C-alpha cells in the first residue's frame, strides 16, 4: 500500500478501535471520543478531563445531532486537525 493508503487504513482502524465499546459499532459516544482524543491525539491537543471542553468538542462534531459521532463526523475532525498541523508546520 502507498503511504496515503496506509494513512487512510490507520484512520479507519483507529475509529473502529474506539467505536462500539458502549453500543453501536459505527459511532462514537462522548466517552469513546474522549478516550480516542486523549489516547491518539493527546500529544497534539493535550489530554483533557475538562468535561465542558469535551462536551463542546462533541457538540461541534455531532453535525446531525444524534448524540453520537459517526465516521463522517470523525473524518471531518481528523481533516481539520491535519489542516491545523499543516499550517503550524509552514
PDB file of N, CA and C in Angstrom:
ATOM      1  N   UNK A   1       0.837  -1.187   0.000  1.00  0.00           N
ATOM      2  CA  UNK A   1       0.000   0.000   0.000  1.00  0.00           C
ATOM      3  C   UNK A   1       0.882   1.250   0.000  1.00  0.00           C
ATOM      4  N   UNK A   2       0.361   2.269  -0.629  1.00  0.00           N
ATOM      5  CA  UNK A   2       1.072   3.552  -0.616  1.00  0.00           C
ATOM      6  C   UNK A   2       0.982   4.165   0.782  1.00  0.00           C
ATOM      7  N   UNK A   3       1.785   5.174   1.024  1.00  0.00           N
ATOM      8  CA  UNK A   3       1.766   5.842   2.323  1.00  0.00           C
ATOM      9  C   UNK A   3       0.395   6.446   2.604  1.00  0.00           C
ATOM     10  N   UNK A   4      -0.239   7.026   1.590  1.00  0.00           N
ATOM     11  CA  UNK A   4      -1.566   7.603   1.761  1.00  0.00           C
ATOM     12  C   UNK A   4      -2.594   6.523   2.088  1.00  0.00           C
ATOM     13  N   UNK A   5      -2.528   5.391   1.382  1.00  0.00           N
ATOM     14  CA  UNK A   5      -3.446   4.287   1.667  1.00  0.00           C
ATOM     15  C   UNK A   5      -3.248   3.761   3.087  1.00  0.00           C
ATOM     16  N   UNK A   6      -2.008   3.679   3.542  1.00  0.00           N
ATOM     17  CA  UNK A   6      -1.731   3.239   4.907  1.00  0.00           C
ATOM     18  C   UNK A   6      -2.321   4.223   5.918  1.00  0.00           C
ATOM     19  N   UNK A   7      -2.208   5.501   5.616  1.00  0.00           N
ATOM     20  CA  UNK A   7      -2.771   6.524   6.498  1.00  0.00           C
ATOM     21  C   UNK A   7      -4.291   6.415   6.566  1.00  0.00           C
ATOM     22  N   UNK A   8      -4.905   6.188   5.427  1.00  0.00           N
ATOM     23  CA  UNK A   8      -6.361   6.022   5.387  1.00  0.00           C
ATOM     24  C   UNK A   8      -6.781   4.787   6.178  1.00  0.00           C
ATOM     25  N   UNK A   9      -6.067   3.704   5.992  1.00  0.00           N
ATOM     26  CA  UNK A   9      -6.374   2.472   6.728  1.00  0.00           C
ATOM     27  C   UNK A   9      -6.194   2.683   8.227  1.00  0.00           C
ATOM     28  N   UNK A  10      -5.170   3.424   8.609  1.00  0.00           N
ATOM     29  CA  UNK A  10      -4.943   3.724  10.014  1.00  0.00           C
ATOM     30  C   UNK A  10      -6.062   4.568  10.610  1.00  0.00           C
ATOM     31  N   UNK A  11      -6.548   5.510   9.844  1.00  0.00           N
ATOM     32  CA  UNK A  11      -7.647   6.354  10.294  1.00  0.00           C
ATOM     33  C   UNK A  11      -8.912   5.526  10.528  1.00  0.00           C
ATOM     34  N   UNK A  12      -9.186   4.618   9.608  1.00  0.00           N
ATOM     35  CA  UNK A  12     -10.356   3.735   9.728  1.00  0.00           C
ATOM     36  C   UNK A  12     -10.183   2.802  10.926  1.00  0.00           C
ATOM     37  N   UNK A  13      -9.017   2.202  11.034  1.00  0.00           N
ATOM     38  CA  UNK A  13      -8.741   1.270  12.129  1.00  0.00           C
ATOM     39  C   UNK A  13      -8.858   1.966  13.484  1.00  0.00           C
ATOM     40  N   UNK A  14      -8.364   3.174  13.573  1.00  0.00           N
ATOM     41  CA  UNK A  14      -8.437   3.925  14.824  1.00  0.00           C
ATOM     42  C   UNK A  14      -9.883   4.203  15.215  1.00  0.00           C
ATOM     43  N   UNK A  15     -10.704   4.600  14.262  1.00  0.00           N
ATOM     44  CA  UNK A  15     -12.127   4.838  14.551  1.00  0.00           C
ATOM     45  C   UNK A  15     -12.757   3.586  15.143  1.00  0.00           C
ATOM     46  N   UNK A  16     -12.533   2.456  14.503  1.00  0.00           N
ATOM     47  CA  UNK A  16     -13.173   1.214  14.937  1.00  0.00           C
ATOM     48  C   UNK A  16     -12.559   0.632  16.212  1.00  0.00           C
ATOM     49  N   UNK A  17     -11.361   1.061  16.546  1.00  0.00           N
ATOM     50  CA  UNK A  17     -10.739   0.656  17.807  1.00  0.00           C
ATOM     51  C   UNK A  17     -11.542   1.201  18.997  1.00  0.00           C
ATOM     52  N   UNK A  18     -12.141   2.368  18.822  1.00  0.00           N
ATOM     53  CA  UNK A  18     -12.871   3.027  19.911  1.00  0.00           C
ATOM     54  C   UNK A  18     -14.391   2.933  19.766  1.00  0.00           C
ATOM     55  N   UNK A  19     -14.904   2.837  18.554  1.00  0.00           N
ATOM     56  CA  UNK A  19     -16.356   2.795  18.363  1.00  0.00           C
ATOM     57  C   UNK A  19     -16.920   1.457  18.836  1.00  0.00           C
ATOM     58  N   UNK A  20     -18.138   1.498  19.316  1.00  0.00           N
ATOM     59  CA  UNK A  20     -18.831   0.270  19.687  1.00  0.00           C
ATOM     60  C   UNK A  20     -18.535  -0.265  21.074  1.00  0.00           C
ATOM     61  N   UNK A  21     -17.674   0.384  21.819  1.00  0.00           N
ATOM     62  CA  UNK A  21     -17.402  -0.084  23.179  1.00  0.00           C
ATOM     63  C   UNK A  21     -18.630   0.078  24.063  1.00  0.00           C
ATOM     64  N   UNK A  22     -19.454   1.082  23.744  1.00  0.00           N
ATOM     65  CA  UNK A  22     -20.644   1.363  24.537  1.00  0.00           C
ATOM     66  C   UNK A  22     -21.932   1.198  23.730  1.00  0.00           C
ATOM     67  N   UNK A  23     -21.876   0.539  22.621  1.00  0.00           N
ATOM     68  CA  UNK A  23     -23.102   0.394  21.832  1.00  0.00           C
ATOM     69  C   UNK A  23     -22.816   0.193  20.361  1.00  0.00           C
ATOM     70  N   UNK A  24     -23.352   1.083  19.551  1.00  0.00           N
ATOM     71  CA  UNK A  24     -23.267   0.993  18.093  1.00  0.00           C
ATOM     72  C   UNK A  24     -21.813   1.010  17.634  1.00  0.00           C
ATOM     73  N   UNK A  25     -21.445   0.014  16.834  1.00  0.00           N
ATOM     74  CA  UNK A  25     -20.069  -0.112  16.351  1.00  0.00           C
ATOM     75  C   UNK A  25     -19.732   0.885  15.240  1.00  0.00           C
ATOM     76  N   UNK A  26     -20.741   1.621  14.762  1.00  0.00           N
ATOM     77  CA  UNK A  26     -20.496   2.565  13.670  1.00  0.00           C
ATOM     78  C   UNK A  26     -20.437   4.006  14.153  1.00  0.00           C
ATOM     79  N   UNK A  27     -20.496   4.205  15.472  1.00  0.00           N
ATOM     80  CA  UNK A  27     -20.457   5.556  16.010  1.00  0.00           C
ATOM     81  C   UNK A  27     -19.616   5.597  17.285  1.00  0.00           C
ATOM     82  N   UNK A  28     -19.236   6.811  17.650  1.00  0.00           N
ATOM     83  CA  UNK A  28     -18.523   7.055  18.900  1.00  0.00           C
ATOM     84  C   UNK A  28     -19.449   7.777  19.870  1.00  0.00           C
ATOM     85  N   UNK A  29     -19.488   7.293  21.103  1.00  0.00           N
ATOM     86  CA  UNK A  29     -20.180   8.024  22.158  1.00  0.00           C
ATOM     87  C   UNK A  29     -19.234   9.111  22.663  1.00  0.00           C
ATOM     88  N   UNK A  30     -19.730   9.952  23.549  1.00  0.00           N
ATOM     89  CA  UNK A  30     -18.888  11.004  24.110  1.00  0.00           C
ATOM     90  C   UNK A  30     -17.690  10.403  24.849  1.00  0.00           C
ATOM     91  N   UNK A  31     -17.920   9.340  25.624  1.00  0.00           N
ATOM     92  CA  UNK A  31     -16.825   8.695  26.367  1.00  0.00           C
ATOM     93  C   UNK A  31     -15.812   8.059  25.418  1.00  0.00           C
ATOM     94  N   UNK A  32     -16.287   7.437  24.352  1.00  0.00           N
ATOM     95  CA  UNK A  32     -15.388   6.829  23.364  1.00  0.00           C
ATOM     96  C   UNK A  32     -14.563   7.896  22.656  1.00  0.00           C
ATOM     97  N   UNK A  33     -15.204   9.021  22.316  1.00  0.00           N
ATOM     98  CA  UNK A  33     -14.489  10.118  21.670  1.00  0.00           C
ATOM     99  C   UNK A  33     -13.422  10.678  22.601  1.00  0.00           C
ATOM    100  N   UNK A  34     -13.765  10.860  23.864  1.00  0.00           N
ATOM    101  CA  UNK A  34     -12.801  11.379  24.842  1.00  0.00           C
ATOM    102  C   UNK A  34     -11.597  10.457  24.939  1.00  0.00           C
ATOM    103  N   UNK A  35     -11.833   9.146  24.998  1.00  0.00           N
ATOM    104  CA  UNK A  35     -10.730   8.192  25.062  1.00  0.00           C
ATOM    105  C   UNK A  35      -9.868   8.277  23.803  1.00  0.00           C
ATOM    106  N   UNK A  36     -10.503   8.349  22.634  1.00  0.00           N
ATOM    107  CA  UNK A  36      -9.770   8.457  21.368  1.00  0.00           C
ATOM    108  C   UNK A  36      -8.916   9.733  21.353  1.00  0.00           C
ATOM    109  N   UNK A  37      -9.511  10.862  21.715  1.00  0.00           N
ATOM    110  CA  UNK A  37      -8.783  12.128  21.688  1.00  0.00           C
ATOM    111  C   UNK A  37      -7.594  12.103  22.642  1.00  0.00           C
ATOM    112  N   UNK A  38      -7.818  11.618  23.858  1.00  0.00           N
ATOM    113  CA  UNK A  38      -6.738  11.595  24.846  1.00  0.00           C
ATOM    114  C   UNK A  38      -5.636  10.616  24.471  1.00  0.00           C
ATOM    115  N   UNK A  39      -6.001   9.454  23.964  1.00  0.00           N
ATOM    116  CA  UNK A  39      -5.018   8.426  23.652  1.00  0.00           C
ATOM    117  C   UNK A  39      -4.297   8.692  22.335  1.00  0.00           C
ATOM    118  N   UNK A  40      -5.042   9.018  21.319  1.00  0.00           N
ATOM    119  CA  UNK A  40      -4.479   9.132  19.970  1.00  0.00           C
ATOM    120  C   UNK A  40      -3.975  10.538  19.629  1.00  0.00           C
ATOM    121  N   UNK A  41      -4.565  11.563  20.227  1.00  0.00           N
ATOM    122  CA  UNK A  41      -4.209  12.942  19.866  1.00  0.00           C
ATOM    123  C   UNK A  41      -3.787  13.781  21.065  1.00  0.00           C
ATOM    124  N   UNK A  42      -3.591  13.151  22.192  1.00  0.00           N
ATOM    125  CA  UNK A  42      -3.212  13.864  23.405  1.00  0.00           C
ATOM    126  C   UNK A  42      -1.930  14.662  23.262  1.00  0.00           C
ATOM    127  N   UNK A  43      -0.995  14.160  22.471  1.00  0.00           N
ATOM    128  CA  UNK A  43       0.269  14.881  22.260  1.00  0.00           C
ATOM    129  C   UNK A  43       0.060  16.184  21.491  1.00  0.00           C
ATOM    130  N   UNK A  44      -0.956  16.225  20.645  1.00  0.00           N
ATOM    131  CA  UNK A  44      -1.233  17.419  19.850  1.00  0.00           C
ATOM    132  C   UNK A  44      -2.217  18.339  20.576  1.00  0.00           C
ATOM    133  N   UNK A  45      -3.297  17.739  21.078  1.00  0.00           N
ATOM    134  CA  UNK A  45      -4.370  18.540  21.670  1.00  0.00           C
ATOM    135  C   UNK A  45      -4.226  18.739  23.167  1.00  0.00           C
ATOM    136  N   UNK A  46      -3.419  17.914  23.793  1.00  0.00           N
ATOM    137  CA  UNK A  46      -3.338  17.914  25.248  1.00  0.00           C
ATOM    138  C   UNK A  46      -4.410  17.004  25.806  1.00  0.00           C
ATOM    139  N   UNK A  47      -4.089  16.282  26.836  1.00  0.00           N
ATOM    140  CA  UNK A  47      -5.059  15.373  27.443  1.00  0.00           C
ATOM    141  C   UNK A  47      -5.996  16.192  28.315  1.00  0.00           C
ATOM    142  N   UNK A  48      -7.281  15.867  28.238  1.00  0.00           N
ATOM    143  CA  UNK A  48      -8.258  16.680  28.947  1.00  0.00           C
ATOM    144  C   UNK A  48      -9.236  15.837  29.740  1.00  0.00           C
ATOM    145  N   UNK A  49      -9.450  16.243  30.969  1.00  0.00           N
ATOM    146  CA  UNK A  49     -10.529  15.713  31.784  1.00  0.00           C
ATOM    147  C   UNK A  49     -11.592  16.790  31.992  1.00  0.00           C
ATOM    148  N   UNK A  50     -11.439  17.891  31.258  1.00  0.00           N
ATOM    149  CA  UNK A  50     -12.366  19.013  31.360  1.00  0.00           C
ATOM    150  C   UNK A  50     -13.674  18.637  30.661  1.00  0.00           C
ATOM    151  N   UNK A  51     -14.715  18.352  31.461  1.00  0.00           N
ATOM    152  CA  UNK A  51     -15.989  17.906  30.915  1.00  0.00           C
ATOM    153  C   UNK A  51     -16.586  18.924  29.944  1.00  0.00           C
ATOM    154  N   UNK A  52     -16.486  20.200  30.282  1.00  0.00           N
ATOM    155  CA  UNK A  52     -17.049  21.241  29.411  1.00  0.00           C
ATOM    156  C   UNK A  52     -16.347  21.268  28.055  1.00  0.00           C
ATOM    157  N   UNK A  53     -15.024  21.099  28.054  1.00  0.00           N
ATOM    158  CA  UNK A  53     -14.276  21.099  26.792  1.00  0.00           C
ATOM    159  C   UNK A  53     -14.684  19.905  25.932  1.00  0.00           C
ATOM    160  N   UNK A  54     -14.770  18.733  26.554  1.00  0.00           N
ATOM    161  CA  UNK A  54     -15.189  17.525  25.818  1.00  0.00           C
ATOM    162  C   UNK A  54     -16.615  17.693  25.301  1.00  0.00           C
ATOM    163  N   UNK A  55     -17.500  18.239  26.131  1.00  0.00           N
ATOM    164  CA  UNK A  55     -18.886  18.475  25.704  1.00  0.00           C
ATOM    165  C   UNK A  55     -18.938  19.393  24.488  1.00  0.00           C
ATOM    166  N   UNK A  56     -18.121  20.447  24.493  1.00  0.00           N
ATOM    167  CA  UNK A  56     -18.102  21.387  23.357  1.00  0.00           C
ATOM    168  C   UNK A  56     -17.563  20.738  22.096  1.00  0.00           C
ATOM    169  N   UNK A  57     -16.492  19.976  22.219  1.00  0.00           N
ATOM    170  CA  UNK A  57     -15.929  19.269  21.057  1.00  0.00           C
ATOM    171  C   UNK A  57     -16.973  18.318  20.495  1.00  0.00           C
ATOM    172  N   UNK A  58     -17.600  17.544  21.376  1.00  0.00           N
ATOM    173  CA  UNK A  58     -18.602  16.566  20.951  1.00  0.00           C
ATOM    174  C   UNK A  58     -19.768  17.263  20.245  1.00  0.00           C
ATOM    175  N   UNK A  59     -20.252  18.348  20.830  1.00  0.00           N
ATOM    176  CA  UNK A  59     -21.369  19.096  20.242  1.00  0.00           C
ATOM    177  C   UNK A  59     -21.000  19.615  18.854  1.00  0.00           C
ATOM    178  N   UNK A  60     -19.791  20.147  18.725  1.00  0.00           N
ATOM    179  CA  UNK A  60     -19.344  20.661  17.430  1.00  0.00           C
ATOM    180  C   UNK A  60     -19.207  19.560  16.381  1.00  0.00           C
ATOM    181  N   UNK A  61     -18.771  18.374  16.806  1.00  0.00           N
ATOM    182  CA  UNK A  61     -18.593  17.270  15.858  1.00  0.00           C
ATOM    183  C   UNK A  61     -19.909  16.624  15.458  1.00  0.00           C
ATOM    184  N   UNK A  62     -20.875  16.590  16.361  1.00  0.00           N
ATOM    185  CA  UNK A  62     -22.144  15.899  16.124  1.00  0.00           C
ATOM    186  C   UNK A  62     -23.039  16.727  15.202  1.00  0.00           C
ATOM    187  N   UNK A  63     -22.658  16.806  13.947  1.00  0.00           N
ATOM    188  CA  UNK A  63     -23.337  17.660  12.967  1.00  0.00           C
ATOM    189  C   UNK A  63     -24.808  17.297  12.773  1.00  0.00           C
ATOM    190  N   UNK A  64     -25.139  16.006  12.863  1.00  0.00           N
ATOM    191  CA  UNK A  64     -26.527  15.600  12.639  1.00  0.00           C
ATOM    192  C   UNK A  64     -27.352  15.564  13.923  1.00  0.00           C
ATOM    193  N   UNK A  65     -26.745  15.873  15.060  1.00  0.00           N
ATOM    194  CA  UNK A  65     -27.470  15.989  16.311  1.00  0.00           C
ATOM    195  C   UNK A  65     -28.013  14.697  16.889  1.00  0.00           C
ATOM    196  N   UNK A  66     -27.402  13.560  16.537  1.00  0.00           N
ATOM    197  CA  UNK A  66     -27.923  12.280  17.025  1.00  0.00           C
ATOM    198  C   UNK A  66     -27.236  11.790  18.305  1.00  0.00           C
ATOM    199  N   UNK A  67     -26.455  12.645  18.935  1.00  0.00           N
ATOM    200  CA  UNK A  67     -25.753  12.352  20.196  1.00  0.00           C
ATOM    201  C   UNK A  67     -24.674  11.285  20.055  1.00  0.00           C
ATOM    202  N   UNK A  68     -24.176  11.113  18.850  1.00  0.00           N
ATOM    203  CA  UNK A  68     -23.023  10.250  18.587  1.00  0.00           C
ATOM    204  C   UNK A  68     -22.180  10.913  17.501  1.00  0.00           C
ATOM    205  N   UNK A  69     -20.948  10.428  17.339  1.00  0.00           N
ATOM    206  CA  UNK A  69     -20.080  10.900  16.265  1.00  0.00           C
ATOM    207  C   UNK A  69     -19.905   9.751  15.286  1.00  0.00           C
ATOM    208  N   UNK A  70     -20.394   9.932  14.054  1.00  0.00           N
ATOM    209  CA  UNK A  70     -20.262   8.875  13.049  1.00  0.00           C
ATOM    210  C   UNK A  70     -18.923   9.028  12.326  1.00  0.00           C
ATOM    211  N   UNK A  71     -18.657   8.113  11.413  1.00  0.00           N
ATOM    212  CA  UNK A  71     -17.356   8.130  10.741  1.00  0.00           C
ATOM    213  C   UNK A  71     -17.135   9.416   9.951  1.00  0.00           C
ATOM    214  N   UNK A  72     -18.166   9.918   9.291  1.00  0.00           N
ATOM    215  CA  UNK A  72     -18.013  11.155   8.511  1.00  0.00           C
ATOM    216  C   UNK A  72     -17.653  12.322   9.426  1.00  0.00           C
ATOM    217  N   UNK A  73     -18.299  12.414  10.574  1.00  0.00           N
ATOM    218  CA  UNK A  73     -18.008  13.490  11.519  1.00  0.00           C
ATOM    219  C   UNK A  73     -16.585  13.349  12.074  1.00  0.00           C
ATOM    220  N   UNK A  74     -16.182  12.116  12.358  1.00  0.00           N
ATOM    221  CA  UNK A  74     -14.817  11.832  12.816  1.00  0.00           C
ATOM    222  C   UNK A  74     -13.800  12.203  11.730  1.00  0.00           C
ATOM    223  N   UNK A  75     -14.071  11.822  10.486  1.00  0.00           N
ATOM    224  CA  UNK A  75     -13.154  12.119   9.383  1.00  0.00           C
ATOM    225  C   UNK A  75     -13.009  13.627   9.197  1.00  0.00           C
ATOM    226  N   UNK A  76     -14.082  14.360   9.367  1.00  0.00           N
ATOM    227  CA  UNK A  76     -14.031  15.817   9.289  1.00  0.00           C
ATOM    228  C   UNK A  76     -13.116  16.373  10.374  1.00  0.00           C
ATOM    229  N   UNK A  77     -13.228  15.834  11.586  1.00  0.00           N
ATOM    230  CA  UNK A  77     -12.369  16.267  12.692  1.00  0.00           C
ATOM    231  C   UNK A  77     -10.904  15.998  12.372  1.00  0.00           C
ATOM    232  N   UNK A  78     -10.602  14.793  11.896  1.00  0.00           N
ATOM    233  CA  UNK A  78      -9.214  14.444  11.579  1.00  0.00           C
ATOM    234  C   UNK A  78      -8.679  15.352  10.475  1.00  0.00           C
ATOM    235  N   UNK A  79      -9.497  15.622   9.471  1.00  0.00           N
ATOM    236  CA  UNK A  79      -9.078  16.510   8.383  1.00  0.00           C
ATOM    237  C   UNK A  79      -8.808  17.921   8.908  1.00  0.00           C
ATOM    238  N   UNK A  80      -9.652  18.426   9.782  1.00  0.00           N
ATOM    239  CA  UNK A  80      -9.452  19.773  10.338  1.00  0.00           C
ATOM    240  C   UNK A  80      -8.189  19.842  11.174  1.00  0.00           C
ATOM    241  N   UNK A  81      -7.937  18.834  11.994  1.00  0.00           N
ATOM    242  CA  UNK A  81      -6.729  18.821  12.811  1.00  0.00           C
ATOM    243  C   UNK A  81      -5.495  18.716  11.912  1.00  0.00           C
ATOM    244  N   UNK A  82      -5.596  17.939  10.848  1.00  0.00           N
ATOM    245  CA  UNK A  82      -4.492  17.809   9.890  1.00  0.00           C
ATOM    246  C   UNK A  82      -4.201  19.152   9.222  1.00  0.00           C
ATOM    247  N   UNK A  83      -5.246  19.866   8.859  1.00  0.00           N
ATOM    248  CA  UNK A  83      -5.070  21.198   8.259  1.00  0.00           C
ATOM    249  C   UNK A  83      -4.382  22.147   9.231  1.00  0.00           C
ATOM    250  N   UNK A  84      -4.773  22.120  10.500  1.00  0.00           N
ATOM    251  CA  UNK A  84      -4.144  22.982  11.501  1.00  0.00           C
ATOM    252  C   UNK A  84      -2.676  22.629  11.680  1.00  0.00           C
ATOM    253  N   UNK A  85      -2.365  21.339  11.691  1.00  0.00           N
ATOM    254  CA  UNK A  85      -0.966  20.911  11.816  1.00  0.00           C
ATOM    255  C   UNK A  85      -0.150  21.363  10.606  1.00  0.00           C
ATOM    256  N   UNK A  86      -0.732  21.271   9.430  1.00  0.00           N
ATOM    257  CA  UNK A  86      -0.036  21.706   8.219  1.00  0.00           C
ATOM    258  C   UNK A  86       0.252  23.203   8.299  1.00  0.00           C
ATOM    259  N   UNK A  87      -0.697  23.982   8.747  1.00  0.00           N
ATOM    260  CA  UNK A  87      -0.491  25.430   8.878  1.00  0.00           C
ATOM    261  C   UNK A  87       0.609  25.723   9.899  1.00  0.00           C
ATOM    262  N   UNK A  88       0.630  24.984  10.980  1.00  0.00           N
ATOM    263  CA  UNK A  88       1.642  25.210  12.025  1.00  0.00           C
ATOM    264  C   UNK A  88       3.045  24.855  11.549  1.00  0.00           C
ATOM    265  N   UNK A  89       3.128  23.930  10.596  1.00  0.00           N
ATOM    266  CA  UNK A  89       4.438  23.481  10.098  1.00  0.00           C
ATOM    267  C   UNK A  89       5.004  24.399   9.020  1.00  0.00           C
ATOM    268  N   UNK A  90       4.240  25.336   8.522  1.00  0.00           N
ATOM    269  CA  UNK A  90       4.708  26.219   7.442  1.00  0.00           C
ATOM    270  C   UNK A  90       5.768  27.168   7.929  1.00  0.00           C
TER     271      UNK A  90
END
